[in-house]
PDB file of N, CA and C in Angstrom:
ATOM      1  N   MET A   1       1.015  -1.103   0.066  1.00  0.00           N
ATOM      2  CA  MET A   1      -0.065   0.007   0.072  1.00  0.00           C
ATOM      3  C   MET A   1       1.130   1.198   0.143  1.00  0.00           C
ATOM      4  N   ALA A   2       0.546   2.163  -0.642  1.00  0.00           N
ATOM      5  CA  ALA A   2       1.389   3.707  -0.421  1.00  0.00           C
ATOM      6  C   ALA A   2       1.594   4.285   0.674  1.00  0.00           C
ATOM      7  N   LYS A   3       2.294   4.665   0.568  1.00  0.00           N
ATOM      8  CA  LYS A   3       2.283   5.688   1.980  1.00  0.00           C
ATOM      9  C   LYS A   3       1.811   7.072   1.495  1.00  0.00           C
ATOM     10  N   LYS A   4       1.242   7.801   2.748  1.00  0.00           N
ATOM     11  CA  LYS A   4       1.098   9.198   2.621  1.00  0.00           C
ATOM     12  C   LYS A   4       1.921   9.883   2.785  1.00  0.00           C
ATOM     13  N   ALA A   5       2.121  11.086   2.277  1.00  0.00           N
ATOM     14  CA  ALA A   5       3.182  11.985   2.670  1.00  0.00           C
ATOM     15  C   ALA A   5       2.399  13.157   3.754  1.00  0.00           C
ATOM     16  N   LYS A   6       3.239  13.527   4.652  1.00  0.00           N
ATOM     17  CA  LYS A   6       3.012  14.195   5.815  1.00  0.00           C
ATOM     18  C   LYS A   6       3.360  15.677   5.359  1.00  0.00           C
ATOM     19  N   GLY A   7       2.376  16.583   5.128  1.00  0.00           N
ATOM     20  CA  GLY A   7       2.917  18.058   4.883  1.00  0.00           C
ATOM     21  C   GLY A   7       2.506  18.214   3.520  1.00  0.00           C
ATOM     22  N   LEU A   8       2.198  19.401   3.095  1.00  0.00           N
ATOM     23  CA  LEU A   8       1.834  19.847   1.798  1.00  0.00           C
ATOM     24  C   LEU A   8       2.973  19.559   0.516  1.00  0.00           C
ATOM     25  N   TYR A   9       4.108  19.994   1.166  1.00  0.00           N
ATOM     26  CA  TYR A   9       5.279  19.511   0.054  1.00  0.00           C
ATOM     27  C   TYR A   9       5.997  18.439   0.167  1.00  0.00           C
ATOM     28  N   ALA A  10       5.925  17.312   1.083  1.00  0.00           N
ATOM     29  CA  ALA A  10       6.623  16.335   1.327  1.00  0.00           C
ATOM     30  C   ALA A  10       6.229  15.372   0.177  1.00  0.00           C
ATOM     31  N   LYS A  11       7.448  14.851  -0.647  1.00  0.00           N
ATOM     32  CA  LYS A  11       6.951  13.848  -1.529  1.00  0.00           C
ATOM     33  C   LYS A  11       7.842  12.695  -1.271  1.00  0.00           C
ATOM     34  N   VAL A  12       6.868  11.358  -1.543  1.00  0.00           N
ATOM     35  CA  VAL A  12       7.299  10.058  -1.119  1.00  0.00           C
ATOM     36  C   VAL A  12       7.477   9.301  -2.618  1.00  0.00           C
ATOM     37  N   ALA A  13       8.528   8.469  -2.622  1.00  0.00           N
ATOM     38  CA  ALA A  13       8.947   7.756  -3.773  1.00  0.00           C
ATOM     39  C   ALA A  13       7.948   6.811  -3.760  1.00  0.00           C
ATOM     40  N   HIS A  14       7.359   6.428  -5.095  1.00  0.00           N
ATOM     41  CA  HIS A  14       6.494   5.570  -5.559  1.00  0.00           C
ATOM     42  C   HIS A  14       7.349   4.296  -5.425  1.00  0.00           C
ATOM     43  N   GLU A  15       6.364   3.188  -4.571  1.00  0.00           N
ATOM     44  CA  GLU A  15       6.667   1.857  -4.510  1.00  0.00           C
ATOM     45  C   GLU A  15       6.051   1.139  -5.307  1.00  0.00           C
ATOM     46  N   PRO A  16       6.873   0.247  -6.401  1.00  0.00           N
ATOM     47  CA  PRO A  16       6.055  -0.538  -7.274  1.00  0.00           C
ATOM     48  C   PRO A  16       5.599  -1.874  -6.551  1.00  0.00           C
ATOM     49  N   THR A  17       4.123  -2.398  -6.544  1.00  0.00           N
ATOM     50  CA  THR A  17       3.575  -3.601  -6.281  1.00  0.00           C
ATOM     51  C   THR A  17       4.149  -4.803  -6.928  1.00  0.00           C
ATOM     52  N   PHE A  18       4.557  -5.832  -6.388  1.00  0.00           N
ATOM     53  CA  PHE A  18       5.355  -6.948  -7.062  1.00  0.00           C
ATOM     54  C   PHE A  18       4.151  -7.868  -7.957  1.00  0.00           C
ATOM     55  N   HIS A  19       4.196  -8.237  -9.208  1.00  0.00           N
ATOM     56  CA  HIS A  19       3.287  -8.881  -9.742  1.00  0.00           C
ATOM     57  C   HIS A  19       4.026 -10.019 -10.431  1.00  0.00           C
ATOM     58  N   LYS A  20       3.418 -11.224 -10.246  1.00  0.00           N
ATOM     59  CA  LYS A  20       4.259 -12.546 -10.449  1.00  0.00           C
ATOM     60  C   LYS A  20       4.078 -12.659 -12.054  1.00  0.00           C
ATOM     61  N   THR A  21       4.950 -13.172 -12.997  1.00  0.00           N
ATOM     62  CA  THR A  21       4.819 -13.583 -14.068  1.00  0.00           C
ATOM     63  C   THR A  21       3.782 -14.794 -14.452  1.00  0.00           C
ATOM     64  N   SER A  22       3.492 -14.763 -15.929  1.00  0.00           N
ATOM     65  CA  SER A  22       2.415 -16.099 -16.192  1.00  0.00           C
ATOM     66  C   SER A  22       3.740 -16.782 -16.914  1.00  0.00           C
ATOM     67  N   ILE A  23       4.708 -16.837 -16.711  1.00  0.00           N
ATOM     68  CA  ILE A  23       5.734 -17.308 -17.545  1.00  0.00           C
ATOM     69  C   ILE A  23       6.489 -18.263 -16.497  1.00  0.00           C
ATOM     70  N   GLY A  24       6.811 -19.638 -16.668  1.00  0.00           N
ATOM     71  CA  GLY A  24       7.745 -20.616 -15.938  1.00  0.00           C
ATOM     72  C   GLY A  24       6.804 -22.003 -15.369  1.00  0.00           C
ATOM     73  N   ARG A  25       7.688 -22.231 -14.249  1.00  0.00           N
ATOM     74  CA  ARG A  25       7.073 -23.523 -13.887  1.00  0.00           C
ATOM     75  C   ARG A  25       5.992 -23.317 -13.129  1.00  0.00           C
ATOM     76  N   ASN A  26       5.907 -22.314 -12.013  1.00  0.00           N
ATOM     77  CA  ASN A  26       5.050 -22.242 -11.020  1.00  0.00           C
ATOM     78  C   ASN A  26       4.262 -20.791 -11.714  1.00  0.00           C
ATOM     79  N   PRO A  27       3.309 -20.649 -12.665  1.00  0.00           N
ATOM     80  CA  PRO A  27       3.033 -19.040 -13.108  1.00  0.00           C
ATOM     81  C   PRO A  27       1.579 -19.037 -12.389  1.00  0.00           C
ATOM     82  N   SER A  28       1.520 -17.447 -12.125  1.00  0.00           N
ATOM     83  CA  SER A  28       0.755 -16.862 -11.280  1.00  0.00           C
ATOM     84  C   SER A  28      -0.603 -16.889 -12.441  1.00  0.00           C
ATOM     85  N   LYS A  29      -1.735 -17.092 -12.100  1.00  0.00           N
ATOM     86  CA  LYS A  29      -2.961 -17.288 -12.916  1.00  0.00           C
ATOM     87  C   LYS A  29      -3.804 -15.768 -12.575  1.00  0.00           C
ATOM     88  N   CYS A  30      -3.266 -15.259 -11.398  1.00  0.00           N
ATOM     89  CA  CYS A  30      -4.122 -13.990 -11.434  1.00  0.00           C
ATOM     90  C   CYS A  30      -3.856 -12.826 -12.385  1.00  0.00           C
ATOM     91  N   LYS A  31      -2.690 -12.910 -13.120  1.00  0.00           N
ATOM     92  CA  LYS A  31      -2.509 -11.785 -14.308  1.00  0.00           C
ATOM     93  C   LYS A  31      -3.055 -12.477 -15.709  1.00  0.00           C
ATOM     94  N   MET A  32      -3.312 -13.584 -15.872  1.00  0.00           N
ATOM     95  CA  MET A  32      -3.678 -14.001 -16.933  1.00  0.00           C
ATOM     96  C   MET A  32      -5.039 -13.793 -17.509  1.00  0.00           C
ATOM     97  N   ASN A  33      -5.290 -13.554 -18.640  1.00  0.00           N
ATOM     98  CA  ASN A  33      -6.780 -13.493 -18.857  1.00  0.00           C
ATOM     99  C   ASN A  33      -7.664 -14.664 -18.958  1.00  0.00           C
ATOM    100  N   LYS A  34      -8.963 -14.640 -18.776  1.00  0.00           N
ATOM    101  CA  LYS A  34      -9.807 -15.776 -18.615  1.00  0.00           C
ATOM    102  C   LYS A  34      -9.842 -17.032 -19.191  1.00  0.00           C
ATOM    103  N   SER A  35      -9.614 -16.644 -20.595  1.00  0.00           N
ATOM    104  CA  SER A  35      -9.150 -17.476 -21.690  1.00  0.00           C
ATOM    105  C   SER A  35      -7.856 -18.653 -21.354  1.00  0.00           C
ATOM    106  N   LYS A  36      -6.696 -17.784 -21.277  1.00  0.00           N
ATOM    107  CA  LYS A  36      -5.715 -18.547 -20.632  1.00  0.00           C
ATOM    108  C   LYS A  36      -5.733 -19.411 -19.124  1.00  0.00           C
ATOM    109  N   ARG A  37      -6.497 -18.616 -18.250  1.00  0.00           N
ATOM    110  CA  ARG A  37      -6.631 -19.283 -16.807  1.00  0.00           C
ATOM    111  C   ARG A  37      -7.788 -20.557 -17.088  1.00  0.00           C
ATOM    112  N   ARG A  38      -8.718 -20.437 -18.099  1.00  0.00           N
ATOM    113  CA  ARG A  38      -9.578 -21.814 -18.135  1.00  0.00           C
ATOM    114  C   ARG A  38      -9.143 -22.829 -18.948  1.00  0.00           C
ATOM    115  N   GLN A  39      -7.886 -22.514 -19.895  1.00  0.00           N
ATOM    116  CA  GLN A  39      -7.358 -23.629 -20.441  1.00  0.00           C
ATOM    117  C   GLN A  39      -5.975 -24.007 -20.015  1.00  0.00           C
ATOM    118  N   PHE A  40      -5.677 -23.287 -18.674  1.00  0.00           N
ATOM    119  CA  PHE A  40      -4.338 -23.539 -18.423  1.00  0.00           C
ATOM    120  C   PHE A  40      -4.188 -25.143 -17.894  1.00  0.00           C
ATOM    121  N   LYS A  41      -3.120 -25.797 -18.079  1.00  0.00           N
ATOM    122  CA  LYS A  41      -2.680 -27.151 -17.925  1.00  0.00           C
ATOM    123  C   LYS A  41      -1.046 -26.918 -17.305  1.00  0.00           C
ATOM    124  N   LYS A  42      -1.399 -27.489 -15.894  1.00  0.00           N
ATOM    125  CA  LYS A  42       0.128 -27.649 -15.262  1.00  0.00           C
ATOM    126  C   LYS A  42       1.263 -28.462 -15.895  1.00  0.00           C
ATOM    127  N   TYR A  43       0.933 -29.504 -16.368  1.00  0.00           N
ATOM    128  CA  TYR A  43       1.816 -30.343 -17.188  1.00  0.00           C
ATOM    129  C   TYR A  43       1.485 -30.446 -18.759  1.00  0.00           C
ATOM    130  N   ASN A  44       2.331 -30.844 -19.658  1.00  0.00           N
ATOM    131  CA  ASN A  44       2.092 -31.275 -20.759  1.00  0.00           C
ATOM    132  C   ASN A  44       1.468 -32.631 -20.620  1.00  0.00           C
ATOM    133  N   GLY A  45       0.324 -32.815 -21.755  1.00  0.00           N
ATOM    134  CA  GLY A  45      -0.521 -33.952 -22.164  1.00  0.00           C
ATOM    135  C   GLY A  45      -1.732 -34.090 -21.290  1.00  0.00           C
ATOM    136  N   GLN A  46      -1.985 -32.858 -20.571  1.00  0.00           N
ATOM    137  CA  GLN A  46      -3.402 -32.811 -19.693  1.00  0.00           C
ATOM    138  C   GLN A  46      -4.284 -32.409 -20.783  1.00  0.00           C
ATOM    139  N   GLY A  47      -5.328 -33.200 -21.270  1.00  0.00           N
ATOM    140  CA  GLY A  47      -6.448 -32.583 -22.070  1.00  0.00           C
ATOM    141  C   GLY A  47      -5.844 -32.740 -23.493  1.00  0.00           C
ATOM    142  N   ARG A  48      -6.485 -31.821 -24.182  1.00  0.00           N
ATOM    143  CA  ARG A  48      -6.398 -31.610 -25.919  1.00  0.00           C
ATOM    144  C   ARG A  48      -5.023 -31.211 -26.085  1.00  0.00           C
ATOM    145  N   TRP A  49      -4.568 -31.994 -26.954  1.00  0.00           N
ATOM    146  CA  TRP A  49      -2.962 -31.847 -27.478  1.00  0.00           C
ATOM    147  C   TRP A  49      -3.017 -31.448 -29.168  1.00  0.00           C
ATOM    148  N   GLN A  50      -4.234 -31.937 -29.893  1.00  0.00           N
ATOM    149  CA  GLN A  50      -4.339 -31.553 -31.224  1.00  0.00           C
ATOM    150  C   GLN A  50      -4.649 -29.909 -31.526  1.00  0.00           C
ATOM    151  N   THR A  51      -3.915 -29.861 -32.130  1.00  0.00           N
ATOM    152  CA  THR A  51      -4.538 -28.088 -33.053  1.00  0.00           C
ATOM    153  C   THR A  51      -5.042 -28.324 -34.208  1.00  0.00           C
ATOM    154  N   SER A  52      -5.676 -27.383 -34.824  1.00  0.00           N
ATOM    155  CA  SER A  52      -6.326 -27.530 -36.275  1.00  0.00           C
ATOM    156  C   SER A  52      -5.618 -27.954 -37.036  1.00  0.00           C
ATOM    157  N   ILE A  53      -4.239 -27.702 -37.326  1.00  0.00           N
ATOM    158  CA  ILE A  53      -3.206 -28.143 -38.203  1.00  0.00           C
ATOM    159  C   ILE A  53      -3.165 -29.660 -38.128  1.00  0.00           C
ATOM    160  N   ASN A  54      -2.696 -30.145 -36.901  1.00  0.00           N
ATOM    161  CA  ASN A  54      -2.823 -31.591 -36.337  1.00  0.00           C
ATOM    162  C   ASN A  54      -3.656 -32.303 -37.076  1.00  0.00           C
ATOM    163  N   ILE A  55      -5.099 -31.721 -36.666  1.00  0.00           N
ATOM    164  CA  ILE A  55      -6.545 -32.291 -37.189  1.00  0.00           C
ATOM    165  C   ILE A  55      -6.564 -32.583 -38.813  1.00  0.00           C
ATOM    166  N   LEU A  56      -6.223 -31.343 -39.541  1.00  0.00           N
ATOM    167  CA  LEU A  56      -6.144 -31.304 -40.960  1.00  0.00           C
ATOM    168  C   LEU A  56      -5.083 -32.236 -41.588  1.00  0.00           C
ATOM    169  N   TYR A  57      -4.049 -31.924 -41.078  1.00  0.00           N
ATOM    170  CA  TYR A  57      -2.913 -33.119 -41.484  1.00  0.00           C
ATOM    171  C   TYR A  57      -3.185 -34.784 -41.259  1.00  0.00           C
ATOM    172  N   ILE A  58      -3.855 -35.079 -40.065  1.00  0.00           N
ATOM    173  CA  ILE A  58      -4.104 -36.462 -40.083  1.00  0.00           C
ATOM    174  C   ILE A  58      -5.122 -37.041 -40.980  1.00  0.00           C
ATOM    175  N   GLY A  59      -6.172 -35.901 -41.191  1.00  0.00           N
ATOM    176  CA  GLY A  59      -7.699 -36.301 -41.944  1.00  0.00           C
ATOM    177  C   GLY A  59      -6.692 -36.370 -43.403  1.00  0.00           C
ATOM    178  N   HIS A  60      -5.602 -35.533 -43.963  1.00  0.00           N
ATOM    179  CA  HIS A  60      -5.133 -35.441 -45.172  1.00  0.00           C
ATOM    180  C   HIS A  60      -4.540 -36.997 -45.210  1.00  0.00           C
ATOM    181  N   GLU A  61      -3.744 -37.190 -44.369  1.00  0.00           N
ATOM    182  CA  GLU A  61      -3.031 -38.692 -44.535  1.00  0.00           C
ATOM    183  C   GLU A  61      -4.152 -39.867 -44.718  1.00  0.00           C
ATOM    184  N   ARG A  62      -5.275 -39.628 -43.873  1.00  0.00           N
ATOM    185  CA  ARG A  62      -6.297 -40.767 -44.075  1.00  0.00           C
ATOM    186  C   ARG A  62      -6.960 -40.641 -45.418  1.00  0.00           C
ATOM    187  N   ASN A  63      -7.042 -39.708 -45.945  1.00  0.00           N
ATOM    188  CA  ASN A  63      -7.627 -39.483 -47.394  1.00  0.00           C
ATOM    189  C   ASN A  63      -6.733 -40.315 -48.468  1.00  0.00           C
ATOM    190  N   ASN A  64      -5.604 -39.994 -48.201  1.00  0.00           N
ATOM    191  CA  ASN A  64      -4.382 -40.251 -49.032  1.00  0.00           C
ATOM    192  C   ASN A  64      -4.274 -42.138 -48.934  1.00  0.00           C
ATOM    193  N   ASN A  65      -4.514 -42.465 -47.997  1.00  0.00           N
ATOM    194  CA  ASN A  65      -4.516 -43.935 -47.920  1.00  0.00           C
ATOM    195  C   ASN A  65      -5.372 -44.715 -48.655  1.00  0.00           C
ATOM    196  N   LYS A  66      -6.665 -43.715 -48.027  1.00  0.00           N
ATOM    197  CA  LYS A  66      -7.830 -44.614 -48.781  1.00  0.00           C
ATOM    198  C   LYS A  66      -7.661 -44.584 -50.224  1.00  0.00           C
ATOM    199  N   LYS A  67      -7.156 -43.660 -50.856  1.00  0.00           N
ATOM    200  CA  LYS A  67      -6.800 -43.649 -52.375  1.00  0.00           C
ATOM    201  C   LYS A  67      -6.245 -44.476 -52.848  1.00  0.00           C
ATOM    202  N   LYS A  68      -4.960 -44.758 -52.189  1.00  0.00           N
ATOM    203  CA  LYS A  68      -3.843 -45.877 -52.661  1.00  0.00           C
ATOM    204  C   LYS A  68      -4.570 -47.127 -52.408  1.00  0.00           C
ATOM    205  N   GLU A  69      -5.328 -47.259 -51.364  1.00  0.00           N
ATOM    206  CA  GLU A  69      -5.953 -48.800 -51.309  1.00  0.00           C
ATOM    207  C   GLU A  69      -6.960 -48.973 -52.229  1.00  0.00           C
ATOM    208  N   GLY A  70      -7.366 -47.845 -52.753  1.00  0.00           N
ATOM    209  CA  GLY A  70      -8.752 -48.143 -53.941  1.00  0.00           C
ATOM    210  C   GLY A  70      -8.089 -48.471 -54.922  1.00  0.00           C
ATOM    211  N   ASN A  71      -6.803 -48.052 -55.352  1.00  0.00           N
ATOM    212  CA  ASN A  71      -5.847 -48.141 -56.680  1.00  0.00           C
ATOM    213  C   ASN A  71      -5.668 -49.221 -57.029  1.00  0.00           C
ATOM    214  N   ASN A  72      -5.177 -50.213 -55.550  1.00  0.00           N
ATOM    215  CA  ASN A  72      -4.812 -51.432 -55.846  1.00  0.00           C
ATOM    216  C   ASN A  72      -5.800 -52.320 -56.128  1.00  0.00           C
ATOM    217  N   ASP A  73      -7.027 -52.246 -56.316  1.00  0.00           N
ATOM    218  CA  ASP A  73      -7.979 -53.016 -56.276  1.00  0.00           C
ATOM    219  C   ASP A  73      -8.329 -53.606 -57.756  1.00  0.00           C
TER     220      ASP A  73
END
């Protein structure tokens, strides 16, 4: 909390409050936005791992495999 100056012209230096960062092993969730907080996973492998790129790539591989199998008949 800020200190009050005594007297009309007395100046007190500003003391900044400490804010934890959201980067690292034990991140602070109070400074994250709501979306980041809700999707936060403490460790890798907890929950969804696939991005839209991975899903599209896997789907593309499956389609190619089906085409190859169809040509062999």
